[in-house]
Amino acid sequence: MTESFESALTKSTREVFLEGVHDGMPIALGYFVVSFTLGIAARNAGLDPLQGFLASFFNNASAGEYAGFTVIAADAPYLEIILITLVANARYMLMSCALSQKFQPGTSIWHRIFVGFDVTDEIFGITIARKGPLNPYYNYGAMALALPGWAVGTALGVVAGNILPPAVVSALSVALYGMFLWVIIPPARKNRIVGALVLASFALSYLASILPGLSALSAGTRTIILTVLIAGVGAALFPVPDHCQQQEGDDGHAA
């Protein structure tokens, strides 16, 4: 048993919770800034500050929320809103499966549910990087700051959208697209396949908006179809190698 594993077991619940608070603080600050621009989209969809707060509190996901606000603004039916949110947030199910392997045997279902409630890219990253078994109170500490930061930022964005001049609101709306560029550019630069799929999504989205038949569909339905299609083709043609297989390949190459 390693020293890090032993120390993870001997720490008190309070110590682990405070470690989560410490690591979650920069995440909360980043969430506050990003969700402020998301609040502009919520305001454009007709949500008031309380509704924006609740939307972000119960759905802590930038892409999923933006997609939801977009179809809400288009007066889409509930089923379409549910489907586009499910598709946009599908990756979090994979992250939850990975985190479930870090729990100690016997961890209650309630801890698993509460940890899974706020699995985000950033919280997943700091959690999966920790040594030893997963203590749910670490996640609770990170969530204690990150989740309110995201929800309050969205609510204040809605407030700002209601009181600022239309020209300023329009400028802030552009900032949201900058956020998405910040999300997609780093992985696209590291992986040419991801970059090619991103460019393909741009082109196919434009074609879908002008081609007969597809252009008659709502924007939300087109987004659902393209997301499933592009992700499916990418997974089929360029599967991510299994970690064990990749390690065996590296060992063989080294030999």
C-alpha atoms as a PDB file:
ATOM      1  CA  MET A   1       0.000   0.000   0.000  1.00  0.00           C
ATOM      2  CA  THR A   2       1.504   3.320  -1.076  1.00  0.00           C
ATOM      3  CA  GLU A   3       1.927   6.339   1.189  1.00  0.00           C
ATOM      4  CA  SER A   4      -0.566   8.392  -0.836  1.00  0.00           C
ATOM      5  CA  PHE A   5      -3.153   5.633  -0.533  1.00  0.00           C
ATOM      6  CA  GLU A   6      -2.654   5.394   3.226  1.00  0.00           C
ATOM      7  CA  SER A   7      -2.884   9.165   3.697  1.00  0.00           C
ATOM      8  CA  ALA A   8      -6.093   9.244   1.652  1.00  0.00           C
ATOM      9  CA  LEU A   9      -7.645   6.762   4.057  1.00  0.00           C
ATOM     10  CA  THR A  10      -6.492   8.491   7.259  1.00  0.00           C
ATOM     11  CA  LYS A  11      -7.661  12.025   6.416  1.00  0.00           C
ATOM     12  CA  SER A  12     -10.789  13.208   8.180  1.00  0.00           C
ATOM     13  CA  THR A  13     -13.965  14.108   6.326  1.00  0.00           C
ATOM     14  CA  ARG A  14     -13.398  17.787   7.178  1.00  0.00           C
ATOM     15  CA  GLU A  15      -9.852  17.753   5.759  1.00  0.00           C
ATOM     16  CA  VAL A  16     -10.987  16.129   2.533  1.00  0.00           C
ATOM     17  CA  PHE A  17     -13.910  18.557   2.209  1.00  0.00           C
ATOM     18  CA  LEU A  18     -11.593  21.566   2.664  1.00  0.00           C
ATOM     19  CA  GLU A  19      -9.225  20.165   0.044  1.00  0.00           C
ATOM     20  CA  GLY A  20     -12.169  20.085  -2.341  1.00  0.00           C
ATOM     21  CA  VAL A  21     -13.044  23.684  -1.430  1.00  0.00           C
ATOM     22  CA  HIS A  22      -9.431  24.721  -2.092  1.00  0.00           C
ATOM     23  CA  ASP A  23      -9.283  23.017  -5.487  1.00  0.00           C
ATOM     24  CA  GLY A  24     -12.793  24.166  -6.399  1.00  0.00           C
ATOM     25  CA  MET A  25     -12.120  27.868  -5.775  1.00  0.00           C
ATOM     26  CA  PRO A  26     -10.406  28.638  -9.128  1.00  0.00           C
ATOM     27  CA  ILE A  27     -13.042  26.536 -10.879  1.00  0.00           C
ATOM     28  CA  ALA A  28     -15.796  28.594  -9.248  1.00  0.00           C
ATOM     29  CA  LEU A  29     -14.160  31.860 -10.355  1.00  0.00           C
ATOM     30  CA  GLY A  30     -13.894  30.603 -13.928  1.00  0.00           C
ATOM     31  CA  TYR A  31     -17.474  29.359 -13.858  1.00  0.00           C
ATOM     32  CA  PHE A  32     -18.716  32.741 -12.635  1.00  0.00           C
ATOM     33  CA  VAL A  33     -17.150  34.578 -15.580  1.00  0.00           C
ATOM     34  CA  VAL A  34     -18.294  32.077 -18.213  1.00  0.00           C
ATOM     35  CA  SER A  35     -21.817  31.684 -16.848  1.00  0.00           C
ATOM     36  CA  PHE A  36     -22.274  35.467 -16.840  1.00  0.00           C
ATOM     37  CA  THR A  37     -22.191  35.426 -20.636  1.00  0.00           C
ATOM     38  CA  LEU A  38     -24.435  32.347 -20.584  1.00  0.00           C
ATOM     39  CA  GLY A  39     -26.937  34.432 -18.629  1.00  0.00           C
ATOM     40  CA  ILE A  40     -27.207  36.734 -21.639  1.00  0.00           C
ATOM     41  CA  ALA A  41     -28.360  33.752 -23.694  1.00  0.00           C
ATOM     42  CA  ALA A  42     -30.826  32.838 -20.950  1.00  0.00           C
ATOM     43  CA  ARG A  43     -32.189  36.378 -20.966  1.00  0.00           C
ATOM     44  CA  ASN A  44     -32.581  36.282 -24.755  1.00  0.00           C
ATOM     45  CA  ALA A  45     -34.568  33.056 -24.307  1.00  0.00           C
ATOM     46  CA  GLY A  46     -36.985  34.891 -22.005  1.00  0.00           C
ATOM     47  CA  LEU A  47     -35.798  33.562 -18.645  1.00  0.00           C
ATOM     48  CA  ASP A  48     -35.837  35.737 -15.546  1.00  0.00           C
ATOM     49  CA  PRO A  49     -32.919  35.750 -13.021  1.00  0.00           C
ATOM     50  CA  LEU A  50     -34.465  33.066 -10.792  1.00  0.00           C
ATOM     51  CA  GLN A  51     -35.141  30.801 -13.746  1.00  0.00           C
ATOM     52  CA  GLY A  52     -31.597  31.342 -14.997  1.00  0.00           C
ATOM     53  CA  PHE A  53     -30.230  30.515 -11.546  1.00  0.00           C
ATOM     54  CA  LEU A  54     -32.258  27.300 -11.310  1.00  0.00           C
ATOM     55  CA  ALA A  55     -31.391  26.274 -14.879  1.00  0.00           C
ATOM     56  CA  SER A  56     -27.666  26.523 -14.113  1.00  0.00           C
ATOM     57  CA  PHE A  57     -27.960  25.011 -10.637  1.00  0.00           C
ATOM     58  CA  PHE A  58     -29.636  21.864 -11.941  1.00  0.00           C
ATOM     59  CA  ASN A  59     -27.764  21.673 -15.264  1.00  0.00           C
ATOM     60  CA  ASN A  60     -24.167  22.731 -14.732  1.00  0.00           C
ATOM     61  CA  ALA A  61     -23.068  22.432 -18.360  1.00  0.00           C
ATOM     62  CA  SER A  62     -22.210  25.270 -20.722  1.00  0.00           C
ATOM     63  CA  ALA A  63     -22.849  23.521 -24.048  1.00  0.00           C
ATOM     64  CA  GLY A  64     -25.946  21.739 -22.772  1.00  0.00           C
ATOM     65  CA  GLU A  65     -27.438  24.910 -21.330  1.00  0.00           C
ATOM     66  CA  TYR A  66     -26.649  27.018 -24.366  1.00  0.00           C
ATOM     67  CA  ALA A  67     -28.278  24.420 -26.604  1.00  0.00           C
ATOM     68  CA  GLY A  68     -31.283  24.356 -24.278  1.00  0.00           C
ATOM     69  CA  PHE A  69     -31.592  28.152 -24.218  1.00  0.00           C
ATOM     70  CA  THR A  70     -31.339  28.233 -28.007  1.00  0.00           C
ATOM     71  CA  VAL A  71     -34.259  25.879 -28.530  1.00  0.00           C
ATOM     72  CA  ILE A  72     -36.248  27.568 -25.753  1.00  0.00           C
ATOM     73  CA  ALA A  73     -35.802  30.876 -27.587  1.00  0.00           C
ATOM     74  CA  ALA A  74     -37.110  29.152 -30.718  1.00  0.00           C
ATOM     75  CA  ASP A  75     -40.224  28.040 -28.783  1.00  0.00           C
ATOM     76  CA  ALA A  76     -39.351  24.373 -29.320  1.00  0.00           C
ATOM     77  CA  PRO A  77     -41.456  21.574 -27.821  1.00  0.00           C
ATOM     78  CA  TYR A  78     -40.402  19.974 -24.536  1.00  0.00           C
ATOM     79  CA  LEU A  79     -39.304  16.741 -26.210  1.00  0.00           C
ATOM     80  CA  GLU A  80     -36.831  18.580 -28.415  1.00  0.00           C
ATOM     81  CA  ILE A  81     -35.420  20.452 -25.417  1.00  0.00           C
ATOM     82  CA  ILE A  82     -34.966  17.157 -23.551  1.00  0.00           C
ATOM     83  CA  LEU A  83     -33.282  15.425 -26.490  1.00  0.00           C
ATOM     84  CA  ILE A  84     -30.849  18.225 -27.318  1.00  0.00           C
ATOM     85  CA  THR A  85     -29.852  18.574 -23.662  1.00  0.00           C
ATOM     86  CA  LEU A  86     -29.342  14.804 -23.404  1.00  0.00           C
ATOM     87  CA  VAL A  87     -27.197  14.685 -26.541  1.00  0.00           C
ATOM     88  CA  ALA A  88     -25.107  17.723 -25.562  1.00  0.00           C
ATOM     89  CA  ASN A  89     -24.467  16.320 -22.070  1.00  0.00           C
ATOM     90  CA  ALA A  90     -23.971  12.662 -23.027  1.00  0.00           C
ATOM     91  CA  ARG A  91     -20.232  12.779 -22.298  1.00  0.00           C
ATOM     92  CA  TYR A  92     -20.924  13.243 -18.602  1.00  0.00           C
ATOM     93  CA  MET A  93     -22.319   9.714 -18.451  1.00  0.00           C
ATOM     94  CA  LEU A  94     -18.929   8.409 -19.578  1.00  0.00           C
ATOM     95  CA  MET A  95     -17.178  10.553 -16.970  1.00  0.00           C
ATOM     96  CA  SER A  96     -19.524   9.226 -14.293  1.00  0.00           C
ATOM     97  CA  CYS A  97     -18.715   5.655 -15.294  1.00  0.00           C
ATOM     98  CA  ALA A  98     -15.004   6.414 -14.914  1.00  0.00           C
ATOM     99  CA  LEU A  99     -15.497   8.022 -11.495  1.00  0.00           C
ATOM    100  CA  SER A 100     -17.593   5.089 -10.296  1.00  0.00           C
ATOM    101  CA  GLN A 101     -14.490   2.902 -10.547  1.00  0.00           C
ATOM    102  CA  LYS A 102     -12.684   5.070  -7.977  1.00  0.00           C
ATOM    103  CA  PHE A 103     -15.239   4.641  -5.203  1.00  0.00           C
ATOM    104  CA  GLN A 104     -14.385   2.289  -2.369  1.00  0.00           C
ATOM    105  CA  PRO A 105     -16.537  -0.876  -2.319  1.00  0.00           C
ATOM    106  CA  GLY A 106     -19.544  -0.310  -0.117  1.00  0.00           C
ATOM    107  CA  THR A 107     -19.921   3.402  -0.893  1.00  0.00           C
ATOM    108  CA  SER A 108     -23.624   4.161  -0.590  1.00  0.00           C
ATOM    109  CA  ILE A 109     -25.788   4.831  -3.606  1.00  0.00           C
ATOM    110  CA  TRP A 110     -26.610   8.285  -2.200  1.00  0.00           C
ATOM    111  CA  HIS A 111     -22.981   9.379  -2.283  1.00  0.00           C
ATOM    112  CA  ARG A 112     -22.737   8.123  -5.860  1.00  0.00           C
ATOM    113  CA  ILE A 113     -25.874  10.052  -6.849  1.00  0.00           C
ATOM    114  CA  PHE A 114     -24.757  13.304  -5.211  1.00  0.00           C
ATOM    115  CA  VAL A 115     -21.290  13.117  -6.766  1.00  0.00           C
ATOM    116  CA  GLY A 116     -22.852  12.356 -10.143  1.00  0.00           C
ATOM    117  CA  PHE A 117     -25.144  15.371  -9.788  1.00  0.00           C
ATOM    118  CA  ASP A 118     -22.287  17.746 -10.566  1.00  0.00           C
ATOM    119  CA  VAL A 119     -19.838  15.931 -12.807  1.00  0.00           C
ATOM    120  CA  THR A 120     -18.301  18.625 -15.010  1.00  0.00           C
ATOM    121  CA  ASP A 121     -15.155  18.621 -17.132  1.00  0.00           C
ATOM    122  CA  GLU A 122     -13.189  20.543 -14.511  1.00  0.00           C
ATOM    123  CA  ILE A 123     -14.444  18.725 -11.414  1.00  0.00           C
ATOM    124  CA  PHE A 124     -13.921  15.415 -13.192  1.00  0.00           C
ATOM    125  CA  GLY A 125     -10.351  16.467 -13.982  1.00  0.00           C
ATOM    126  CA  ILE A 126      -9.354  17.327 -10.407  1.00  0.00           C
ATOM    127  CA  THR A 127     -11.140  14.252  -9.034  1.00  0.00           C
ATOM    128  CA  ILE A 128      -9.687  11.694 -11.419  1.00  0.00           C
ATOM    129  CA  ALA A 129      -6.189  13.087 -10.787  1.00  0.00           C
ATOM    130  CA  ARG A 130      -6.316  12.394  -7.043  1.00  0.00           C
ATOM    131  CA  LYS A 131      -4.445   9.402  -5.706  1.00  0.00           C
ATOM    132  CA  GLY A 132      -6.210   6.641  -3.859  1.00  0.00           C
ATOM    133  CA  PRO A 133      -9.941   5.884  -3.584  1.00  0.00           C
ATOM    134  CA  LEU A 134     -12.518   8.592  -4.200  1.00  0.00           C
ATOM    135  CA  ASN A 135     -13.821  10.257  -1.064  1.00  0.00           C
ATOM    136  CA  PRO A 136     -17.154  11.885  -2.012  1.00  0.00           C
ATOM    137  CA  TYR A 137     -16.567  14.739   0.440  1.00  0.00           C
ATOM    138  CA  TYR A 138     -13.769  15.998  -1.795  1.00  0.00           C
ATOM    139  CA  ASN A 139     -16.322  16.439  -4.573  1.00  0.00           C
ATOM    140  CA  TYR A 140     -18.778  18.032  -2.166  1.00  0.00           C
ATOM    141  CA  GLY A 141     -16.148  20.611  -1.245  1.00  0.00           C
ATOM    142  CA  ALA A 142     -15.474  21.469  -4.900  1.00  0.00           C
ATOM    143  CA  MET A 143     -19.187  21.544  -5.665  1.00  0.00           C
ATOM    144  CA  ALA A 144     -19.872  23.822  -2.677  1.00  0.00           C
ATOM    145  CA  LEU A 145     -18.155  26.683  -4.536  1.00  0.00           C
ATOM    146  CA  ALA A 146     -18.315  25.695  -8.195  1.00  0.00           C
ATOM    147  CA  LEU A 147     -22.049  25.076  -8.399  1.00  0.00           C
ATOM    148  CA  PRO A 148     -23.182  28.358  -6.766  1.00  0.00           C
ATOM    149  CA  GLY A 149     -20.565  30.224  -8.802  1.00  0.00           C
ATOM    150  CA  TRP A 150     -22.063  28.907 -12.018  1.00  0.00           C
ATOM    151  CA  ALA A 151     -25.682  29.513 -10.980  1.00  0.00           C
ATOM    152  CA  VAL A 152     -25.122  33.007  -9.518  1.00  0.00           C
ATOM    153  CA  GLY A 153     -23.115  34.046 -12.572  1.00  0.00           C
ATOM    154  CA  THR A 154     -25.978  33.015 -14.848  1.00  0.00           C
ATOM    155  CA  ALA A 155     -28.531  34.919 -12.750  1.00  0.00           C
ATOM    156  CA  LEU A 156     -26.399  38.068 -12.790  1.00  0.00           C
ATOM    157  CA  GLY A 157     -25.978  37.711 -16.544  1.00  0.00           C
ATOM    158  CA  VAL A 158     -29.757  37.735 -16.920  1.00  0.00           C
ATOM    159  CA  VAL A 159     -29.947  40.843 -14.700  1.00  0.00           C
ATOM    160  CA  ALA A 160     -27.257  42.574 -16.744  1.00  0.00           C
ATOM    161  CA  GLY A 161     -29.057  41.696 -19.950  1.00  0.00           C
ATOM    162  CA  ASN A 162     -32.208  43.347 -18.630  1.00  0.00           C
ATOM    163  CA  ILE A 163     -30.606  46.644 -17.587  1.00  0.00           C
ATOM    164  CA  LEU A 164     -27.790  47.184 -20.088  1.00  0.00           C
ATOM    165  CA  PRO A 165     -28.330  48.916 -23.470  1.00  0.00           C
ATOM    166  CA  PRO A 166     -29.098  46.615 -26.418  1.00  0.00           C
ATOM    167  CA  ALA A 167     -25.721  47.362 -28.037  1.00  0.00           C
ATOM    168  CA  VAL A 168     -23.846  46.207 -24.924  1.00  0.00           C
ATOM    169  CA  VAL A 169     -26.029  43.093 -24.634  1.00  0.00           C
ATOM    170  CA  SER A 170     -25.238  42.260 -28.252  1.00  0.00           C
ATOM    171  CA  ALA A 171     -21.514  42.639 -27.548  1.00  0.00           C
ATOM    172  CA  LEU A 172     -21.739  40.375 -24.505  1.00  0.00           C
ATOM    173  CA  SER A 173     -23.580  37.790 -26.586  1.00  0.00           C
ATOM    174  CA  VAL A 174     -20.518  37.562 -28.834  1.00  0.00           C
ATOM    175  CA  ALA A 175     -18.420  36.698 -25.763  1.00  0.00           C
ATOM    176  CA  LEU A 176     -20.305  33.409 -25.508  1.00  0.00           C
ATOM    177  CA  TYR A 177     -19.012  32.364 -28.914  1.00  0.00           C
ATOM    178  CA  GLY A 178     -15.528  33.244 -27.695  1.00  0.00           C
ATOM    179  CA  MET A 179     -16.072  30.842 -24.814  1.00  0.00           C
ATOM    180  CA  PHE A 180     -16.872  28.015 -27.201  1.00  0.00           C
ATOM    181  CA  LEU A 181     -13.826  28.818 -29.329  1.00  0.00           C
ATOM    182  CA  TRP A 182     -11.745  28.567 -26.163  1.00  0.00           C
ATOM    183  CA  VAL A 183     -13.289  25.153 -25.523  1.00  0.00           C
ATOM    184  CA  ILE A 184     -12.730  23.664 -28.989  1.00  0.00           C
ATOM    185  CA  ILE A 185      -9.424  25.201 -30.121  1.00  0.00           C
ATOM    186  CA  PRO A 186      -7.020  23.531 -27.602  1.00  0.00           C
ATOM    187  CA  PRO A 187      -8.167  19.933 -28.300  1.00  0.00           C
ATOM    188  CA  ALA A 188      -8.361  20.691 -32.023  1.00  0.00           C
ATOM    189  CA  ARG A 189      -4.730  21.850 -32.013  1.00  0.00           C
ATOM    190  CA  LYS A 190      -3.599  18.745 -30.143  1.00  0.00           C
ATOM    191  CA  ASN A 191      -5.530  16.258 -32.277  1.00  0.00           C
ATOM    192  CA  ARG A 192      -5.961  16.658 -36.035  1.00  0.00           C
ATOM    193  CA  ILE A 193      -8.922  14.294 -36.064  1.00  0.00           C
ATOM    194  CA  VAL A 194     -10.785  16.467 -33.549  1.00  0.00           C
ATOM    195  CA  GLY A 195      -9.906  19.542 -35.594  1.00  0.00           C
ATOM    196  CA  ALA A 196     -11.203  17.930 -38.781  1.00  0.00           C
ATOM    197  CA  LEU A 197     -14.447  16.904 -37.085  1.00  0.00           C
ATOM    198  CA  VAL A 198     -14.927  20.444 -35.756  1.00  0.00           C
ATOM    199  CA  LEU A 199     -14.484  21.900 -39.254  1.00  0.00           C
ATOM    200  CA  ALA A 200     -16.814  19.236 -40.658  1.00  0.00           C
ATOM    201  CA  SER A 201     -19.445  20.183 -38.087  1.00  0.00           C
ATOM    202  CA  PHE A 202     -19.257  23.818 -39.203  1.00  0.00           C
ATOM    203  CA  ALA A 203     -19.665  22.885 -42.867  1.00  0.00           C
ATOM    204  CA  LEU A 204     -22.432  20.341 -42.282  1.00  0.00           C
ATOM    205  CA  SER A 205     -24.312  22.742 -40.018  1.00  0.00           C
ATOM    206  CA  TYR A 206     -24.302  25.354 -42.766  1.00  0.00           C
ATOM    207  CA  LEU A 207     -25.383  22.826 -45.402  1.00  0.00           C
ATOM    208  CA  ALA A 208     -28.187  21.557 -43.189  1.00  0.00           C
ATOM    209  CA  SER A 209     -29.517  25.096 -42.863  1.00  0.00           C
ATOM    210  CA  ILE A 210     -29.843  25.561 -46.638  1.00  0.00           C
ATOM    211  CA  LEU A 211     -30.555  22.095 -48.055  1.00  0.00           C
ATOM    212  CA  PRO A 212     -34.183  21.305 -48.892  1.00  0.00           C
ATOM    213  CA  GLY A 213     -35.802  19.087 -46.304  1.00  0.00           C
ATOM    214  CA  LEU A 214     -33.192  19.612 -43.599  1.00  0.00           C
ATOM    215  CA  SER A 215     -33.628  23.381 -43.621  1.00  0.00           C
ATOM    216  CA  ALA A 216     -37.317  22.871 -42.869  1.00  0.00           C
ATOM    217  CA  LEU A 217     -36.419  21.205 -39.572  1.00  0.00           C
ATOM    218  CA  SER A 218     -35.998  23.280 -36.445  1.00  0.00           C
ATOM    219  CA  ALA A 219     -32.494  24.344 -35.408  1.00  0.00           C
ATOM    220  CA  GLY A 220     -32.674  22.061 -32.376  1.00  0.00           C
ATOM    221  CA  THR A 221     -33.585  18.997 -34.423  1.00  0.00           C
ATOM    222  CA  ARG A 222     -30.776  19.700 -36.894  1.00  0.00           C
ATOM    223  CA  THR A 223     -28.337  20.027 -34.002  1.00  0.00           C
ATOM    224  CA  ILE A 224     -29.432  16.674 -32.540  1.00  0.00           C
ATOM    225  CA  ILE A 225     -29.108  14.904 -35.886  1.00  0.00           C
ATOM    226  CA  LEU A 226     -25.693  16.393 -36.700  1.00  0.00           C
ATOM    227  CA  THR A 227     -24.294  15.770 -33.222  1.00  0.00           C
ATOM    228  CA  VAL A 228     -25.242  12.099 -33.234  1.00  0.00           C
ATOM    229  CA  LEU A 229     -24.127  11.658 -36.864  1.00  0.00           C
ATOM    230  CA  ILE A 230     -20.718  13.350 -36.552  1.00  0.00           C
ATOM    231  CA  ALA A 231     -19.932  11.787 -33.168  1.00  0.00           C
ATOM    232  CA  GLY A 232     -20.974   8.359 -34.450  1.00  0.00           C
ATOM    233  CA  VAL A 233     -18.853   8.601 -37.605  1.00  0.00           C
ATOM    234  CA  GLY A 234     -15.891   9.886 -35.615  1.00  0.00           C
ATOM    235  CA  ALA A 235     -16.153   7.051 -33.087  1.00  0.00           C
ATOM    236  CA  ALA A 236     -16.510   4.425 -35.833  1.00  0.00           C
ATOM    237  CA  LEU A 237     -13.643   5.630 -38.031  1.00  0.00           C
ATOM    238  CA  PHE A 238     -11.254   6.906 -35.358  1.00  0.00           C
ATOM    239  CA  PRO A 239     -11.840   4.936 -32.136  1.00  0.00           C
ATOM    240  CA  VAL A 240      -9.761   5.894 -29.122  1.00  0.00           C
ATOM    241  CA  PRO A 241      -7.369   2.996 -28.383  1.00  0.00           C
ATOM    242  CA  ASP A 242      -7.944   1.102 -25.159  1.00  0.00           C
ATOM    243  CA  HIS A 243      -5.490   2.110 -22.441  1.00  0.00           C
ATOM    244  CA  CYS A 244      -4.291  -1.456 -21.952  1.00  0.00           C
ATOM    245  CA  GLN A 245      -3.821  -2.009 -25.677  1.00  0.00           C
ATOM    246  CA  GLN A 246      -1.985   1.278 -26.007  1.00  0.00           C
ATOM    247  CA  GLN A 247       0.326   0.340 -23.121  1.00  0.00           C
ATOM    248  CA  GLU A 248       1.044  -3.043 -24.685  1.00  0.00           C
ATOM    249  CA  GLY A 249       1.836  -1.324 -27.974  1.00  0.00           C
ATOM    250  CA  ASP A 250       4.217   1.070 -26.255  1.00  0.00           C
ATOM    251  CA  ASP A 251       5.938  -1.815 -24.477  1.00  0.00           C
ATOM    252  CA  GLY A 252       6.311  -3.690 -27.743  1.00  0.00           C
ATOM    253  CA  HIS A 253       7.714  -0.627 -29.481  1.00  0.00           C
ATOM    254  CA  ALA A 254      10.177  -0.089 -26.657  1.00  0.00           C
ATOM    255  CA  ALA A 255      11.319  -3.683 -26.937  1.00  0.00           C
END
